[in-house]
Amino acid sequence: MRLFIYDHCPYCVRARMPFAMKNIPLELIELPNDDEETPISMIGKKVCPILEKEDGSYTAESMDIVTYLDQLDGKPIFAPSANRADLAAWIKDNSVLFRQLLYPRWVTSPLGEFPTQSARDYFQNKKEKDIGSFADALAKSAEYITQLEAELVKLSSMMHSSKSVNEQLSMDDIDIFGRLRSITLIKSLVIPSKIRAYINHFSTVCNIPTYDNIAK
């Protein structure tokens, strides 16, 4: 099977997680961010991730991909989401803050989806319509980082352990790790020890590197 991704995309991280955890062979393909033709030719719109199955068919919804992979051997390892209101509220309340901190950093990072200036410009032009000027967001980094550090302390208190957000491995871990891996790109961010251990655990078992070595 082949999985088409953008490295920075939290939804793509979701789709990547089961492969290593269940020892499923995978060809990973990072698409340039300005490549519209390839995803449109597969599923009719520009999105990632896209899974190309062994029969040549495609699946594009990240949680559908996870469910498909988890059930391939008839031995699923991820419990259903606990549909926790506290986690959902935390994610919603901090979604803009994540974008303000991460969009301007991703676009200048050495990621596979940004091989050219055209790809970087495509991303920036699109995302500045969401959060405004990247330069302005970067200028407010200290303020935003202080806010996120306080929010991470709140999240840490919601987590069961450094290996699962609930009492058992679940789809909520698929969602949360996909998001938390991104914050390792923020160099001066102080991450609570439980969350840092959680990120490191899933980075290892899923074979998905953090951004610590390119943090800015």
C-alpha atoms as a PDB file:
ATOM      1  CA  MET A   1       0.000   0.000   0.000  1.00  0.00           C
ATOM      2  CA  ARG A   2       1.004   3.605  -0.555  1.00  0.00           C
ATOM      3  CA  LEU A   3       0.190   6.546   1.691  1.00  0.00           C
ATOM      4  CA  PHE A   4       0.340  10.059   0.259  1.00  0.00           C
ATOM      5  CA  ILE A   5       0.974  12.693   2.922  1.00  0.00           C
ATOM      6  CA  TYR A   6       2.239  16.094   3.944  1.00  0.00           C
ATOM      7  CA  ASP A   7       4.703  15.633   6.795  1.00  0.00           C
ATOM      8  CA  HIS A   8       3.319  18.556   8.797  1.00  0.00           C
ATOM      9  CA  CYS A   9      -0.324  17.474   8.531  1.00  0.00           C
ATOM     10  CA  PRO A  10      -1.760  16.132  11.836  1.00  0.00           C
ATOM     11  CA  TYR A  11      -4.343  14.119   9.901  1.00  0.00           C
ATOM     12  CA  CYS A  12      -1.546  12.480   7.931  1.00  0.00           C
ATOM     13  CA  VAL A  13       0.180  11.586  11.194  1.00  0.00           C
ATOM     14  CA  ARG A  14      -3.022   9.820  12.249  1.00  0.00           C
ATOM     15  CA  ALA A  15      -2.970   7.707   9.102  1.00  0.00           C
ATOM     16  CA  ARG A  16       0.717   6.839   9.543  1.00  0.00           C
ATOM     17  CA  MET A  17       0.424   5.573  13.114  1.00  0.00           C
ATOM     18  CA  PRO A  18      -1.049   2.070  12.573  1.00  0.00           C
ATOM     19  CA  PHE A  19       1.558   1.004  10.009  1.00  0.00           C
ATOM     20  CA  ALA A  20       4.469   0.659  12.422  1.00  0.00           C
ATOM     21  CA  MET A  21       2.289  -0.324  15.383  1.00  0.00           C
ATOM     22  CA  LYS A  22       0.841  -3.249  13.382  1.00  0.00           C
ATOM     23  CA  ASN A  23       3.898  -3.975  11.217  1.00  0.00           C
ATOM     24  CA  ILE A  24       2.099  -3.252   7.934  1.00  0.00           C
ATOM     25  CA  PRO A  25       4.383  -2.665   4.915  1.00  0.00           C
ATOM     26  CA  LEU A  26       4.099   0.867   3.569  1.00  0.00           C
ATOM     27  CA  GLU A  27       5.417   3.103   0.827  1.00  0.00           C
ATOM     28  CA  LEU A  28       5.255   6.672   2.125  1.00  0.00           C
ATOM     29  CA  ILE A  29       5.013   9.446  -0.462  1.00  0.00           C
ATOM     30  CA  GLU A  30       5.282  13.132   0.457  1.00  0.00           C
ATOM     31  CA  LEU A  31       3.452  15.320  -2.057  1.00  0.00           C
ATOM     32  CA  PRO A  32       4.612  18.870  -2.823  1.00  0.00           C
ATOM     33  CA  ASN A  33       2.120  21.248  -1.240  1.00  0.00           C
ATOM     34  CA  ASP A  34       1.348  22.935  -4.555  1.00  0.00           C
ATOM     35  CA  ASP A  35       0.676  19.649  -6.382  1.00  0.00           C
ATOM     36  CA  GLU A  36      -3.049  19.762  -7.008  1.00  0.00           C
ATOM     37  CA  GLU A  37      -3.110  17.378  -9.948  1.00  0.00           C
ATOM     38  CA  THR A  38      -2.023  14.202  -8.144  1.00  0.00           C
ATOM     39  CA  PRO A  39      -4.633  14.118  -5.343  1.00  0.00           C
ATOM     40  CA  ILE A  40      -7.389  15.382  -7.641  1.00  0.00           C
ATOM     41  CA  SER A  41      -6.620  12.568 -10.084  1.00  0.00           C
ATOM     42  CA  MET A  42      -7.050  10.040  -7.256  1.00  0.00           C
ATOM     43  CA  ILE A  43     -10.046  11.276  -5.280  1.00  0.00           C
ATOM     44  CA  GLY A  44     -11.313  14.392  -7.037  1.00  0.00           C
ATOM     45  CA  LYS A  45     -10.007  17.007  -4.608  1.00  0.00           C
ATOM     46  CA  LYS A  46      -6.767  18.270  -3.079  1.00  0.00           C
ATOM     47  CA  VAL A  47      -6.448  16.662   0.323  1.00  0.00           C
ATOM     48  CA  CYS A  48      -4.056  14.439   2.243  1.00  0.00           C
ATOM     49  CA  PRO A  49      -3.699  11.782   3.519  1.00  0.00           C
ATOM     50  CA  ILE A  50      -4.702   9.426   0.733  1.00  0.00           C
ATOM     51  CA  LEU A  51      -4.263   5.674   1.081  1.00  0.00           C
ATOM     52  CA  GLU A  52      -3.826   3.654  -2.085  1.00  0.00           C
ATOM     53  CA  LYS A  53      -4.837   0.117  -1.194  1.00  0.00           C
ATOM     54  CA  GLU A  54      -3.394  -3.034  -2.712  1.00  0.00           C
ATOM     55  CA  ASP A  55      -6.367  -3.292  -5.092  1.00  0.00           C
ATOM     56  CA  GLY A  56      -5.671   0.201  -6.428  1.00  0.00           C
ATOM     57  CA  SER A  57      -8.633   1.893  -4.737  1.00  0.00           C
ATOM     58  CA  TYR A  58      -8.258   5.002  -2.579  1.00  0.00           C
ATOM     59  CA  THR A  59      -9.382   6.133   0.868  1.00  0.00           C
ATOM     60  CA  ALA A  60      -8.859   9.708   1.977  1.00  0.00           C
ATOM     61  CA  GLU A  61     -10.452  10.255   5.415  1.00  0.00           C
ATOM     62  CA  SER A  62      -7.757   9.847   8.076  1.00  0.00           C
ATOM     63  CA  MET A  63      -9.869   7.995  10.646  1.00  0.00           C
ATOM     64  CA  ASP A  64     -11.310   5.759   7.913  1.00  0.00           C
ATOM     65  CA  ILE A  65      -7.740   4.882   6.958  1.00  0.00           C
ATOM     66  CA  VAL A  66      -6.875   4.090  10.583  1.00  0.00           C
ATOM     67  CA  THR A  67      -9.966   1.901  11.011  1.00  0.00           C
ATOM     68  CA  TYR A  68      -9.267   0.048   7.772  1.00  0.00           C
ATOM     69  CA  LEU A  69      -5.650  -0.672   8.728  1.00  0.00           C
ATOM     70  CA  ASP A  70      -6.492  -1.598  12.316  1.00  0.00           C
ATOM     71  CA  GLN A  71      -9.040  -4.191  11.209  1.00  0.00           C
ATOM     72  CA  LEU A  72      -7.007  -5.760   8.397  1.00  0.00           C
ATOM     73  CA  ASP A  73      -5.809  -8.666  10.540  1.00  0.00           C
ATOM     74  CA  GLY A  74      -9.045  -8.988  12.517  1.00  0.00           C
ATOM     75  CA  LYS A  75      -7.198  -7.971  15.687  1.00  0.00           C
ATOM     76  CA  PRO A  76      -7.842  -4.251  16.243  1.00  0.00           C
ATOM     77  CA  ILE A  77      -5.690  -2.544  18.860  1.00  0.00           C
ATOM     78  CA  PHE A  78      -7.417   0.834  19.095  1.00  0.00           C
ATOM     79  CA  ALA A  79     -10.520   1.124  21.243  1.00  0.00           C
ATOM     80  CA  PRO A  80     -13.203   3.535  19.998  1.00  0.00           C
ATOM     81  CA  SER A  81     -12.972   7.170  21.016  1.00  0.00           C
ATOM     82  CA  ALA A  82     -14.284   7.870  24.502  1.00  0.00           C
ATOM     83  CA  ASN A  83     -15.885  11.037  23.086  1.00  0.00           C
ATOM     84  CA  ARG A  84     -14.595  13.026  26.018  1.00  0.00           C
ATOM     85  CA  ALA A  85     -16.076  16.504  26.222  1.00  0.00           C
ATOM     86  CA  ASP A  86     -12.991  17.858  28.019  1.00  0.00           C
ATOM     87  CA  LEU A  87     -10.615  16.747  25.257  1.00  0.00           C
ATOM     88  CA  ALA A  88     -12.905  17.996  22.519  1.00  0.00           C
ATOM     89  CA  ALA A  89     -13.186  21.387  24.222  1.00  0.00           C
ATOM     90  CA  TRP A  90      -9.411  21.643  24.695  1.00  0.00           C
ATOM     91  CA  ILE A  91      -8.784  20.884  21.026  1.00  0.00           C
ATOM     92  CA  LYS A  92     -11.403  23.382  19.878  1.00  0.00           C
ATOM     93  CA  ASP A  93     -10.268  26.125  22.244  1.00  0.00           C
ATOM     94  CA  ASN A  94      -6.644  25.853  21.101  1.00  0.00           C
ATOM     95  CA  SER A  95      -7.026  25.225  17.385  1.00  0.00           C
ATOM     96  CA  VAL A  96      -6.329  28.831  16.370  1.00  0.00           C
ATOM     97  CA  LEU A  97      -3.379  29.075  18.756  1.00  0.00           C
ATOM     98  CA  PHE A  98      -1.829  25.961  17.203  1.00  0.00           C
ATOM     99  CA  ARG A  99      -2.204  27.440  13.730  1.00  0.00           C
ATOM    100  CA  GLN A 100      -0.711  30.784  14.740  1.00  0.00           C
ATOM    101  CA  LEU A 101       2.372  29.098  16.147  1.00  0.00           C
ATOM    102  CA  LEU A 102       2.837  26.349  13.597  1.00  0.00           C
ATOM    103  CA  TYR A 103       1.891  27.638  10.139  1.00  0.00           C
ATOM    104  CA  PRO A 104       4.753  30.161   9.963  1.00  0.00           C
ATOM    105  CA  ARG A 105       7.249  27.600  11.254  1.00  0.00           C
ATOM    106  CA  TRP A 106       6.219  24.717   9.025  1.00  0.00           C
ATOM    107  CA  VAL A 107       6.556  26.717   5.822  1.00  0.00           C
ATOM    108  CA  THR A 108      10.232  27.527   6.496  1.00  0.00           C
ATOM    109  CA  SER A 109      11.134  24.006   7.663  1.00  0.00           C
ATOM    110  CA  PRO A 110      12.925  21.374   5.540  1.00  0.00           C
ATOM    111  CA  LEU A 111       9.854  19.204   4.991  1.00  0.00           C
ATOM    112  CA  GLY A 112       9.129  17.082   1.937  1.00  0.00           C
ATOM    113  CA  GLU A 113       6.015  19.035   0.982  1.00  0.00           C
ATOM    114  CA  PHE A 114       8.043  22.240   0.591  1.00  0.00           C
ATOM    115  CA  PRO A 115      10.733  21.325  -1.982  1.00  0.00           C
ATOM    116  CA  THR A 116      10.370  24.586  -3.922  1.00  0.00           C
ATOM    117  CA  GLN A 117       9.569  28.236  -3.354  1.00  0.00           C
ATOM    118  CA  SER A 118       6.373  27.657  -5.305  1.00  0.00           C
ATOM    119  CA  ALA A 119       5.242  25.038  -2.780  1.00  0.00           C
ATOM    120  CA  ARG A 120       6.061  27.346   0.145  1.00  0.00           C
ATOM    121  CA  ASP A 121       4.269  30.280  -1.475  1.00  0.00           C
ATOM    122  CA  TYR A 122       1.215  28.124  -2.159  1.00  0.00           C
ATOM    123  CA  PHE A 123       0.973  27.151   1.503  1.00  0.00           C
ATOM    124  CA  GLN A 124       1.596  30.643   2.839  1.00  0.00           C
ATOM    125  CA  ASN A 125      -0.849  32.353   0.510  1.00  0.00           C
ATOM    126  CA  LYS A 126      -3.567  29.886   1.481  1.00  0.00           C
ATOM    127  CA  LYS A 127      -2.959  29.849   5.219  1.00  0.00           C
ATOM    128  CA  GLU A 128      -2.546  33.610   5.634  1.00  0.00           C
ATOM    129  CA  LYS A 129      -6.194  33.860   4.613  1.00  0.00           C
ATOM    130  CA  ASP A 130      -6.896  31.921   7.826  1.00  0.00           C
ATOM    131  CA  ILE A 131      -4.571  33.475  10.429  1.00  0.00           C
ATOM    132  CA  GLY A 132      -3.336  36.674   8.795  1.00  0.00           C
ATOM    133  CA  SER A 133       0.295  37.621   8.227  1.00  0.00           C
ATOM    134  CA  PHE A 134       2.851  34.941   9.104  1.00  0.00           C
ATOM    135  CA  ALA A 135       5.292  37.698  10.060  1.00  0.00           C
ATOM    136  CA  ASP A 136       2.796  39.134  12.535  1.00  0.00           C
ATOM    137  CA  ALA A 137       2.162  35.692  14.015  1.00  0.00           C
ATOM    138  CA  LEU A 138       5.879  35.094  14.473  1.00  0.00           C
ATOM    139  CA  ALA A 139       6.268  38.498  16.101  1.00  0.00           C
ATOM    140  CA  LYS A 140       3.737  37.421  18.729  1.00  0.00           C
ATOM    141  CA  SER A 141       5.433  34.059  19.367  1.00  0.00           C
ATOM    142  CA  ALA A 142       6.372  34.825  22.978  1.00  0.00           C
ATOM    143  CA  GLU A 143       2.775  35.703  23.815  1.00  0.00           C
ATOM    144  CA  TYR A 144       1.401  32.651  22.037  1.00  0.00           C
ATOM    145  CA  ILE A 145       3.957  30.317  23.611  1.00  0.00           C
ATOM    146  CA  THR A 146       3.032  31.503  27.098  1.00  0.00           C
ATOM    147  CA  GLN A 147      -0.622  30.805  26.314  1.00  0.00           C
ATOM    148  CA  LEU A 148       0.135  27.332  24.956  1.00  0.00           C
ATOM    149  CA  GLU A 149       2.299  26.388  27.934  1.00  0.00           C
ATOM    150  CA  ALA A 150      -0.622  27.110  30.258  1.00  0.00           C
ATOM    151  CA  GLU A 151      -2.951  25.083  28.044  1.00  0.00           C
ATOM    152  CA  LEU A 152      -0.544  22.138  27.975  1.00  0.00           C
ATOM    153  CA  VAL A 153      -0.557  22.037  31.769  1.00  0.00           C
ATOM    154  CA  LYS A 154      -4.350  21.705  31.584  1.00  0.00           C
ATOM    155  CA  LEU A 155      -4.080  18.926  29.001  1.00  0.00           C
ATOM    156  CA  SER A 156      -1.524  17.041  31.080  1.00  0.00           C
ATOM    157  CA  SER A 157      -4.038  16.794  33.921  1.00  0.00           C
ATOM    158  CA  MET A 158      -6.543  15.187  31.519  1.00  0.00           C
ATOM    159  CA  MET A 159      -4.195  12.418  30.399  1.00  0.00           C
ATOM    160  CA  HIS A 160      -4.308   8.965  31.964  1.00  0.00           C
ATOM    161  CA  SER A 161      -0.615   8.223  31.394  1.00  0.00           C
ATOM    162  CA  SER A 162       2.355   8.820  29.117  1.00  0.00           C
ATOM    163  CA  LYS A 163       1.177   5.909  26.938  1.00  0.00           C
ATOM    164  CA  SER A 164      -2.542   6.620  26.544  1.00  0.00           C
ATOM    165  CA  VAL A 165      -4.817   9.580  27.034  1.00  0.00           C
ATOM    166  CA  ASN A 166      -7.568   7.254  28.319  1.00  0.00           C
ATOM    167  CA  GLU A 167      -7.228   4.066  30.359  1.00  0.00           C
ATOM    168  CA  GLN A 168      -6.561   2.082  27.179  1.00  0.00           C
ATOM    169  CA  LEU A 169      -5.076   2.756  23.753  1.00  0.00           C
ATOM    170  CA  SER A 170      -7.799   4.333  21.641  1.00  0.00           C
ATOM    171  CA  MET A 171      -8.702   6.466  18.674  1.00  0.00           C
ATOM    172  CA  ASP A 172      -8.241   9.448  20.971  1.00  0.00           C
ATOM    173  CA  ASP A 173      -4.506   8.697  20.980  1.00  0.00           C
ATOM    174  CA  ILE A 174      -4.565   8.713  17.191  1.00  0.00           C
ATOM    175  CA  ASP A 175      -6.034  12.207  17.343  1.00  0.00           C
ATOM    176  CA  ILE A 176      -3.991  13.647  20.199  1.00  0.00           C
ATOM    177  CA  PHE A 177      -0.554  12.448  19.087  1.00  0.00           C
ATOM    178  CA  GLY A 178      -1.228  13.728  15.600  1.00  0.00           C
ATOM    179  CA  ARG A 179      -1.620  17.172  17.112  1.00  0.00           C
ATOM    180  CA  LEU A 180       1.023  17.072  19.864  1.00  0.00           C
ATOM    181  CA  ARG A 181       3.843  15.900  17.605  1.00  0.00           C
ATOM    182  CA  SER A 182       3.591  19.289  15.888  1.00  0.00           C
ATOM    183  CA  ILE A 183       4.507  21.323  18.972  1.00  0.00           C
ATOM    184  CA  THR A 184       8.019  19.864  19.042  1.00  0.00           C
ATOM    185  CA  LEU A 185       8.735  22.356  16.225  1.00  0.00           C
ATOM    186  CA  ILE A 186       8.431  25.259  18.714  1.00  0.00           C
ATOM    187  CA  LYS A 187      11.941  25.579  20.085  1.00  0.00           C
ATOM    188  CA  SER A 188      11.403  27.526  23.297  1.00  0.00           C
ATOM    189  CA  LEU A 189       8.159  25.824  24.307  1.00  0.00           C
ATOM    190  CA  VAL A 190       8.207  24.195  27.754  1.00  0.00           C
ATOM    191  CA  ILE A 191       6.304  20.919  27.473  1.00  0.00           C
ATOM    192  CA  PRO A 192       5.037  19.193  30.664  1.00  0.00           C
ATOM    193  CA  SER A 193       6.903  15.966  31.427  1.00  0.00           C
ATOM    194  CA  LYS A 194       3.871  13.697  30.978  1.00  0.00           C
ATOM    195  CA  ILE A 195       3.109  15.174  27.558  1.00  0.00           C
ATOM    196  CA  ARG A 196       6.781  15.051  26.537  1.00  0.00           C
ATOM    197  CA  ALA A 197       6.911  11.368  27.513  1.00  0.00           C
ATOM    198  CA  TYR A 198       3.664  10.751  25.605  1.00  0.00           C
ATOM    199  CA  ILE A 199       5.056  12.375  22.464  1.00  0.00           C
ATOM    200  CA  ASN A 200       8.296  10.412  22.741  1.00  0.00           C
ATOM    201  CA  HIS A 201       6.448   7.139  23.286  1.00  0.00           C
ATOM    202  CA  PHE A 202       4.274   7.396  20.195  1.00  0.00           C
ATOM    203  CA  SER A 203       7.087   8.828  18.115  1.00  0.00           C
ATOM    204  CA  THR A 204       9.050   5.661  18.890  1.00  0.00           C
ATOM    205  CA  VAL A 205       6.326   3.030  18.530  1.00  0.00           C
ATOM    206  CA  CYS A 206       4.933   4.657  15.376  1.00  0.00           C
ATOM    207  CA  ASN A 207       8.343   5.431  13.843  1.00  0.00           C
ATOM    208  CA  ILE A 208       7.290   9.041  13.250  1.00  0.00           C
ATOM    209  CA  PRO A 209      10.116  11.427  14.178  1.00  0.00           C
ATOM    210  CA  THR A 210       9.510  14.567  16.201  1.00  0.00           C
ATOM    211  CA  TYR A 211      10.683  17.981  15.004  1.00  0.00           C
ATOM    212  CA  ASP A 212      13.175  18.530  17.833  1.00  0.00           C
ATOM    213  CA  ASN A 213      16.178  18.572  15.511  1.00  0.00           C
ATOM    214  CA  ILE A 214      14.677  21.332  13.334  1.00  0.00           C
ATOM    215  CA  ALA A 215      12.802  23.268  16.021  1.00  0.00           C
ATOM    216  CA  LYS A 216      12.642  27.032  15.622  1.00  0.00           C
END
